[in-house]
Amino acid sequence: MSLTHFVLEHAPELQQKIVRRNIRDVVAGKIAILIASGIFKIGDDLPSERDLAAALQVSRESVRGGIQILAARGLLAVVHGSRTRVVSDEVGAEFKQMREPRLVNSYGLDDIHGARLLVERTVVGAAAARMDDETLRFLRESLKAQRGAMDDPVRFLISDREFHLAVYRACGNPALGDFVADLYAYMMENRCRAVAEPGAIARSVGDHEAIVAALERRDADATIAAFETHLDRIYRTTRDVVARTGTPAGANGI
């Protein structure tokens, strides 16, 4: 049998294998970025495959494949009968986004907040105008995962990141979407502390519900207003954590 005939005969099977492999690579990249941003630290256990699959909205098989990729690169340790653990934060260049989180973290909190307000108004307004049913479905499923993580800040932040990135990508300008995603990653370790405060996750989920409601109406003004409320909450709670813990807030302080 010639190579051409083999490919044609097995095309559906080959395509399925390629798709599964690509999804595993995507999942590996998402987990690696969570490590690079500080949501997962060395010594932390990952959530269960089921919880990760719900947060990332992929299959458990894809999560398992992504974990295997990172374990082969020495970032994760998989022990039978125990949770998968982070053993290194040396994330390779193939998993890094446009800028490393540590570079974003070199800016002051006020500067990042101002930049997010300025840029995200444009991004989320455009996203509202271009919103499609598939993205709305994704956002609704993300809200379900967030409601199921009310007592787990790490699981919530995984879903929170996916929620924000989905909205940013919907703006139709990949460069702007990636830029705002970089700003989102600012001082993520302090965000982990902030969402661990009593009632913090519930308030953020309420913000997200208002955002989705505005996006469902394709109402750009309402979407921008809902995001401004949410960004103000992020700013204030991060500022409070920095003030309470004495953690430096970038090069310029708070």
Protein backbone atom coordinates (compact mmCIF):
# COMPACT_ATOMS: atom_id res chain seq x y z
CA MET A 1 0.00 0.00 0.00
CA SER A 2 1.35 3.42 -0.92
CA LEU A 3 1.76 6.16 1.68
CA THR A 4 -0.98 8.19 -0.04
CA HIS A 5 -3.46 5.29 0.13
CA PHE A 6 -2.53 4.63 3.77
CA VAL A 7 -3.12 8.27 4.75
CA LEU A 8 -6.45 8.41 2.90
CA GLU A 9 -7.64 5.14 4.38
CA HIS A 10 -6.69 6.12 7.94
CA ALA A 11 -7.40 9.87 7.71
CA PRO A 12 -10.19 10.01 10.36
CA GLU A 13 -8.14 7.95 12.82
CA LEU A 14 -5.00 10.00 12.19
CA GLN A 15 -6.92 13.27 12.57
CA GLN A 16 -8.36 12.14 15.92
CA LYS A 17 -4.88 11.27 17.18
CA ILE A 18 -3.51 14.66 16.07
CA VAL A 19 -6.37 16.51 17.79
CA ARG A 20 -5.92 14.54 21.02
CA ARG A 21 -2.18 15.20 20.97
CA ASN A 22 -2.71 18.90 20.34
CA ILE A 23 -5.17 19.19 23.22
CA ARG A 24 -2.69 17.47 25.54
CA ASP A 25 -0.06 19.99 24.46
CA VAL A 26 -2.47 22.86 25.13
CA VAL A 27 -3.27 21.49 28.60
CA ALA A 28 0.44 21.09 29.34
CA GLY A 29 0.97 24.71 28.35
CA LYS A 30 -1.87 25.92 30.55
CA ILE A 31 -0.57 24.06 33.60
CA ALA A 32 2.97 25.28 32.91
CA ILE A 33 1.76 28.90 32.82
CA LEU A 34 -0.06 28.35 36.11
CA ILE A 35 3.28 27.26 37.57
CA ALA A 36 5.17 30.18 36.02
CA SER A 37 2.60 32.69 37.32
CA GLY A 38 2.77 31.39 40.89
CA ILE A 39 -0.70 29.86 41.17
CA PHE A 40 1.09 26.51 41.58
CA LYS A 41 4.34 26.57 43.56
CA ILE A 42 7.01 23.94 44.14
CA GLY A 43 5.64 21.40 46.60
CA ASP A 44 1.98 22.08 45.75
CA ASP A 45 -0.31 19.23 44.78
CA LEU A 46 -2.33 19.69 41.62
CA PRO A 47 -6.11 19.44 41.84
CA SER A 48 -7.56 16.09 40.83
CA GLU A 49 -7.81 15.23 37.13
CA ARG A 50 -11.58 15.64 37.39
CA ASP A 51 -11.31 19.13 38.90
CA LEU A 52 -8.66 20.22 36.39
CA ALA A 53 -10.77 18.89 33.52
CA ALA A 54 -13.76 20.89 34.78
CA ALA A 55 -11.72 24.07 35.23
CA LEU A 56 -10.05 23.83 31.82
CA GLN A 57 -13.14 22.36 30.10
CA VAL A 58 -11.30 19.44 28.57
CA SER A 59 -11.46 15.69 29.05
CA ARG A 60 -9.70 13.87 31.88
CA GLU A 61 -7.71 12.02 29.22
CA SER A 62 -6.39 15.36 27.95
CA VAL A 63 -5.49 16.44 31.49
CA ARG A 64 -3.68 13.15 32.06
CA GLY A 65 -1.77 13.60 28.80
CA GLY A 66 -0.79 17.18 29.68
CA ILE A 67 0.46 16.07 33.08
CA GLN A 68 2.53 13.32 31.46
CA ILE A 69 4.16 15.87 29.15
CA LEU A 70 5.16 18.08 32.09
CA ALA A 71 6.28 15.10 34.15
CA ALA A 72 8.60 14.08 31.30
CA ARG A 73 10.07 17.60 31.41
CA GLY A 74 10.67 17.40 35.16
CA LEU A 75 8.07 19.97 36.22
CA LEU A 76 5.68 17.50 37.83
CA ALA A 77 6.06 14.29 39.81
CA VAL A 78 3.39 11.63 39.31
CA VAL A 79 3.19 9.10 42.14
CA HIS A 80 0.67 6.27 41.97
CA GLY A 81 -1.95 6.63 44.68
CA SER A 82 -1.02 10.25 45.44
CA ARG A 83 -1.74 13.66 43.95
CA THR A 84 0.55 14.93 41.21
CA ARG A 85 3.02 17.41 42.72
CA VAL A 86 4.92 20.41 41.37
CA VAL A 87 8.65 19.75 41.69
CA SER A 88 10.12 22.52 39.50
CA ASP A 89 9.19 25.98 38.28
CA GLU A 90 11.79 26.01 35.50
CA VAL A 91 9.20 26.44 32.76
CA GLY A 92 10.77 26.10 29.34
CA ALA A 93 10.57 28.71 26.60
CA GLU A 94 8.06 26.61 24.64
CA PHE A 95 5.48 27.17 27.37
CA LYS A 96 6.07 30.84 28.07
CA GLN A 97 3.83 33.60 26.78
CA MET A 98 4.90 37.00 25.41
CA ARG A 99 6.37 38.17 28.73
CA GLU A 100 7.34 36.29 31.86
CA PRO A 101 5.21 36.98 34.95
CA ARG A 102 8.26 38.23 36.84
CA LEU A 103 8.68 40.99 34.24
CA VAL A 104 5.04 42.05 34.56
CA ASN A 105 5.50 42.04 38.32
CA SER A 106 8.27 44.65 38.06
CA TYR A 107 5.62 47.36 37.58
CA GLY A 108 3.71 49.10 40.33
CA LEU A 109 0.19 48.12 41.31
CA ASP A 110 -1.29 51.51 40.39
CA ASP A 111 0.39 51.40 36.98
CA ILE A 112 -0.94 47.94 36.19
CA HIS A 113 -4.43 48.87 37.38
CA GLY A 114 -4.42 51.98 35.19
CA ALA A 115 -3.18 49.99 32.20
CA ARG A 116 -5.85 47.33 32.67
CA LEU A 117 -8.62 49.92 32.89
CA LEU A 118 -7.38 51.66 29.75
CA VAL A 119 -6.86 48.58 27.59
CA GLU A 120 -9.57 46.26 28.87
CA ARG A 121 -12.31 48.78 28.15
CA THR A 122 -11.43 48.48 24.47
CA VAL A 123 -10.90 44.72 24.56
CA VAL A 124 -14.08 43.71 26.38
CA GLY A 125 -16.18 46.24 24.45
CA ALA A 126 -15.00 44.66 21.21
CA ALA A 127 -15.60 41.20 22.67
CA ALA A 128 -19.21 42.10 23.44
CA ALA A 129 -19.78 43.25 19.87
CA ARG A 130 -18.22 40.08 18.44
CA MET A 131 -19.50 37.61 21.03
CA ASP A 132 -20.41 34.18 19.64
CA ASP A 133 -22.53 31.38 21.06
CA GLU A 134 -19.59 29.00 21.51
CA THR A 135 -17.69 31.48 23.71
CA LEU A 136 -20.85 32.14 25.72
CA ARG A 137 -21.26 28.41 26.26
CA PHE A 138 -17.66 28.23 27.47
CA LEU A 139 -18.20 31.15 29.86
CA ARG A 140 -21.37 29.61 31.30
CA GLU A 141 -19.55 26.31 31.91
CA SER A 142 -16.71 28.25 33.51
CA LEU A 143 -19.20 29.85 35.90
CA LYS A 144 -20.39 26.38 36.91
CA ALA A 145 -16.80 25.33 37.66
CA GLN A 146 -16.25 28.52 39.67
CA ARG A 147 -19.37 27.94 41.76
CA GLY A 148 -18.04 24.47 42.52
CA ALA A 149 -14.75 25.93 43.80
CA MET A 150 -16.08 28.34 46.44
CA ASP A 151 -13.81 26.81 49.09
CA ASP A 152 -10.76 26.24 46.88
CA PRO A 153 -8.87 29.41 45.80
CA VAL A 154 -6.49 27.55 43.49
CA ARG A 155 -9.25 25.76 41.60
CA PHE A 156 -11.16 29.02 41.38
CA LEU A 157 -8.18 30.90 39.94
CA ILE A 158 -7.68 28.23 37.27
CA SER A 159 -11.27 28.73 36.12
CA ASP A 160 -10.97 32.49 36.60
CA ARG A 161 -7.99 32.62 34.25
CA GLU A 162 -9.80 30.58 31.59
CA PHE A 163 -12.83 32.86 31.93
CA HIS A 164 -10.83 36.06 31.43
CA LEU A 165 -8.77 34.67 28.55
CA ALA A 166 -11.91 33.53 26.73
CA VAL A 167 -13.32 37.06 26.88
CA TYR A 168 -10.01 38.62 25.82
CA ARG A 169 -9.66 36.27 22.83
CA ALA A 170 -13.17 37.16 21.68
CA CYS A 171 -12.11 40.76 20.95
CA GLY A 172 -10.78 39.66 17.57
CA ASN A 173 -7.30 41.18 18.02
CA PRO A 174 -4.82 38.50 19.20
CA ALA A 175 -2.13 41.06 20.06
CA LEU A 176 -4.44 43.00 22.37
CA GLY A 177 -5.80 39.76 23.83
CA ASP A 178 -2.29 38.52 24.65
CA PHE A 179 -1.28 41.89 26.10
CA VAL A 180 -4.23 41.98 28.48
CA ALA A 181 -3.58 38.34 29.41
CA ASP A 182 -0.08 39.40 30.51
CA LEU A 183 -1.57 42.13 32.70
CA TYR A 184 -3.99 39.61 34.19
CA ALA A 185 -1.04 37.57 35.50
CA TYR A 186 0.21 40.48 37.65
CA MET A 187 1.12 39.56 41.26
CA MET A 188 -0.74 36.26 41.05
CA GLU A 189 0.59 35.01 44.38
CA ASN A 190 -1.10 37.96 46.07
CA ARG A 191 -4.27 37.25 44.12
CA CYS A 192 -4.20 33.74 45.61
CA ARG A 193 -4.13 35.30 49.08
CA ALA A 194 -6.88 37.78 48.20
CA VAL A 195 -9.35 35.18 46.91
CA ALA A 196 -8.72 33.06 50.02
CA GLU A 197 -10.41 35.77 52.11
CA PRO A 198 -13.94 34.84 53.31
CA GLY A 199 -16.53 35.68 50.68
CA ALA A 200 -13.98 36.79 48.09
CA ILE A 201 -14.68 34.01 45.60
CA ALA A 202 -18.45 34.48 45.86
CA ARG A 203 -18.05 38.20 45.12
CA SER A 204 -15.86 37.49 42.10
CA VAL A 205 -18.33 34.93 40.78
CA GLY A 206 -21.05 37.57 41.15
CA ASP A 207 -18.93 39.95 39.08
CA HIS A 208 -18.47 37.26 36.43
CA GLU A 209 -22.20 36.59 36.31
CA ALA A 210 -22.82 40.28 35.61
CA ILE A 211 -20.18 40.19 32.86
CA VAL A 212 -21.76 37.14 31.20
CA ALA A 213 -25.23 38.70 31.41
CA ALA A 214 -23.94 41.79 29.59
CA LEU A 215 -22.13 39.69 26.99
CA GLU A 216 -25.28 37.65 26.35
CA ARG A 217 -27.03 40.91 25.41
CA ARG A 218 -24.02 41.93 23.26
CA ASP A 219 -24.14 45.16 25.28
CA ALA A 220 -20.68 46.74 25.05
CA ASP A 221 -21.38 49.55 27.54
CA ALA A 222 -22.76 47.16 30.16
CA THR A 223 -19.85 44.76 29.63
CA ILE A 224 -17.33 47.57 30.11
CA ALA A 225 -19.12 48.75 33.26
CA ALA A 226 -19.20 45.20 34.69
CA PHE A 227 -15.49 44.75 33.98
CA GLU A 228 -14.65 48.09 35.59
CA THR A 229 -16.45 46.97 38.77
CA HIS A 230 -14.53 43.70 38.69
CA LEU A 231 -11.15 45.34 38.04
CA ASP A 232 -11.73 47.79 40.88
CA ARG A 233 -12.40 44.85 43.21
CA ILE A 234 -9.19 43.13 42.03
CA TYR A 235 -7.23 46.34 42.62
CA ARG A 236 -8.60 46.98 46.10
CA THR A 237 -8.23 43.42 47.36
CA THR A 238 -4.70 43.09 45.98
CA ARG A 239 -3.75 46.43 47.52
CA ASP A 240 -5.14 45.28 50.89
CA VAL A 241 -3.13 42.05 50.77
CA VAL A 242 0.04 43.96 49.88
CA ALA A 243 -0.53 46.41 52.74
CA ARG A 244 -1.25 43.64 55.22
CA THR A 245 1.60 41.31 54.27
CA GLY A 246 4.21 43.92 53.38
CA THR A 247 4.80 42.23 50.02
CA PRO A 248 6.45 44.61 47.53
CA ALA A 249 4.09 45.68 44.75
CA GLY A 250 6.44 46.09 41.81
CA ALA A 251 9.14 48.65 41.28
CA ASN A 252 7.05 51.66 42.25
CA GLY A 253 5.24 50.32 45.30
CA ILE A 254 1.52 50.96 45.81
